[in-house]
Amino acid sequence: MAAASPGRRFNGQSGSAVPVASASKTDRVAPLTERRLLDVPGMAGYLSLGDDTIRELETGLLASARVHVPGPGGGKVLFDRHVVDQIVAGCAACGHRPPAIHSRTRRGA
């Protein structure tokens, strides 16, 4: 019988030597492009914007993408990535960038 090493467990009955690696927390977290709901830092990373910019857009441009999850301390605000993708696609189809993103780009240029 194989001895279990740290970080590994063995499935099956005693004597089974089929290793199954334990999943660490980072192994279980899906990349931003696979998650449907993103928090403010996640949405900022997804859109390549700052957290403050996402907070500014939260009640305006991104209002339709907001999802409030009730919980202790008032809950948490998440954003539906699919709705945000539609907002961005709509802005691109009109031939312009959203105003807040456009003004940030102009200042940095």
Protein backbone atom coordinates (compact mmCIF):
# COMPACT_ATOMS: atom_id res chain seq x y z
CA MET A 1 0.00 0.00 0.00
CA ALA A 2 1.31 3.44 -0.93
CA ALA A 3 1.70 5.97 1.85
CA ALA A 4 -0.25 9.20 1.46
CA SER A 5 1.94 12.21 0.86
CA PRO A 6 1.05 15.70 2.13
CA GLY A 7 -1.39 17.47 -0.21
CA ARG A 8 -2.66 14.20 -1.73
CA ARG A 9 -5.41 11.80 -0.82
CA PHE A 10 -6.26 8.37 -2.13
CA ASN A 11 -9.71 7.29 -3.29
CA GLY A 12 -11.08 3.82 -2.95
CA GLN A 13 -10.62 1.15 -0.36
CA SER A 14 -7.48 0.64 1.66
CA GLY A 15 -4.69 -0.54 -0.56
CA SER A 16 -5.82 1.62 -3.49
CA ALA A 17 -2.95 3.57 -5.00
CA VAL A 18 -4.87 5.97 -7.27
CA PRO A 19 -3.76 9.48 -6.23
CA VAL A 20 -6.16 12.40 -6.46
CA ALA A 21 -4.52 15.80 -6.02
CA SER A 22 -6.21 18.10 -3.53
CA ALA A 23 -7.49 21.24 -5.18
CA SER A 24 -6.12 24.39 -3.62
CA LYS A 25 -8.31 27.50 -3.45
CA THR A 26 -6.52 29.05 -6.43
CA ASP A 27 -7.17 25.90 -8.48
CA ARG A 28 -10.93 26.22 -7.85
CA VAL A 29 -11.28 29.91 -8.77
CA ALA A 30 -12.41 30.30 -12.37
CA PRO A 31 -10.75 32.91 -14.58
CA LEU A 32 -12.63 36.22 -15.01
CA THR A 33 -13.83 35.22 -18.48
CA GLU A 34 -15.55 32.11 -17.07
CA ARG A 35 -17.29 33.74 -14.10
CA ARG A 36 -20.78 35.13 -14.67
CA LEU A 37 -20.90 37.48 -11.66
CA LEU A 38 -17.94 39.71 -10.80
CA ASP A 39 -17.31 41.97 -7.82
CA VAL A 40 -15.92 45.51 -8.24
CA PRO A 41 -12.23 44.45 -8.41
CA GLY A 42 -13.13 41.58 -10.76
CA MET A 43 -15.11 43.86 -13.07
CA ALA A 44 -12.29 46.41 -12.98
CA GLY A 45 -9.84 43.73 -14.07
CA TYR A 46 -12.22 42.40 -16.73
CA LEU A 47 -12.69 45.86 -18.28
CA SER A 48 -9.09 47.00 -17.63
CA LEU A 49 -10.34 49.94 -15.56
CA GLY A 50 -9.74 51.05 -11.99
CA ASP A 51 -11.99 50.11 -9.07
CA ASP A 52 -12.96 53.78 -8.67
CA THR A 53 -14.08 53.97 -12.31
CA ILE A 54 -16.32 50.92 -11.84
CA ARG A 55 -17.84 52.52 -8.74
CA GLU A 56 -18.49 55.72 -10.74
CA LEU A 57 -20.18 53.72 -13.52
CA GLU A 58 -22.13 51.51 -11.08
CA THR A 59 -25.25 53.71 -10.93
CA GLY A 60 -25.03 54.96 -14.52
CA LEU A 61 -23.74 52.93 -17.42
CA LEU A 62 -23.43 49.66 -15.47
CA ALA A 63 -26.71 50.00 -13.53
CA SER A 64 -28.49 47.33 -15.61
CA ALA A 65 -25.66 44.88 -14.90
CA ARG A 66 -25.82 45.31 -11.09
CA VAL A 67 -26.90 42.33 -9.02
CA HIS A 68 -27.40 42.93 -5.29
CA VAL A 69 -26.71 39.85 -3.18
CA PRO A 70 -28.31 40.26 0.27
CA GLY A 71 -26.18 39.42 3.26
CA PRO A 72 -24.80 40.64 6.55
CA GLY A 73 -23.67 44.26 6.54
CA GLY A 74 -25.93 45.20 3.62
CA GLY A 75 -24.84 42.48 1.24
CA LYS A 76 -22.64 42.71 -1.81
CA VAL A 77 -22.91 44.26 -5.27
CA LEU A 78 -21.87 42.07 -8.18
CA PHE A 79 -22.00 42.69 -11.93
CA ASP A 80 -23.37 40.30 -14.55
CA ARG A 81 -20.56 39.89 -17.06
CA HIS A 82 -22.97 38.94 -19.88
CA VAL A 83 -24.94 42.18 -19.47
CA VAL A 84 -21.69 44.18 -19.37
CA ASP A 85 -20.59 42.47 -22.60
CA GLN A 86 -23.88 43.58 -24.22
CA ILE A 87 -23.36 47.16 -22.99
CA VAL A 88 -19.84 47.23 -24.43
CA ALA A 89 -21.02 45.67 -27.72
CA GLY A 90 -23.81 48.28 -27.96
CA CYS A 91 -21.33 51.09 -27.47
CA ALA A 92 -19.03 49.63 -30.11
CA ALA A 93 -21.95 49.22 -32.55
CA CYS A 94 -22.79 52.92 -32.16
CA GLY A 95 -19.22 53.80 -33.02
CA HIS A 96 -18.34 55.43 -29.71
CA ARG A 97 -16.94 54.52 -26.34
CA PRO A 98 -18.91 54.98 -23.13
CA PRO A 99 -18.44 58.59 -21.90
CA ALA A 100 -16.59 57.74 -18.67
CA ILE A 101 -14.14 55.47 -20.45
CA HIS A 102 -13.67 58.00 -23.28
CA SER A 103 -12.93 60.85 -20.86
CA ARG A 104 -10.37 58.74 -18.96
CA THR A 105 -8.62 57.83 -22.21
CA ARG A 106 -8.54 61.46 -23.36
CA ARG A 107 -7.01 62.64 -20.08
CA GLY A 108 -4.31 59.99 -20.23
CA ALA A 109 -3.39 60.78 -23.84
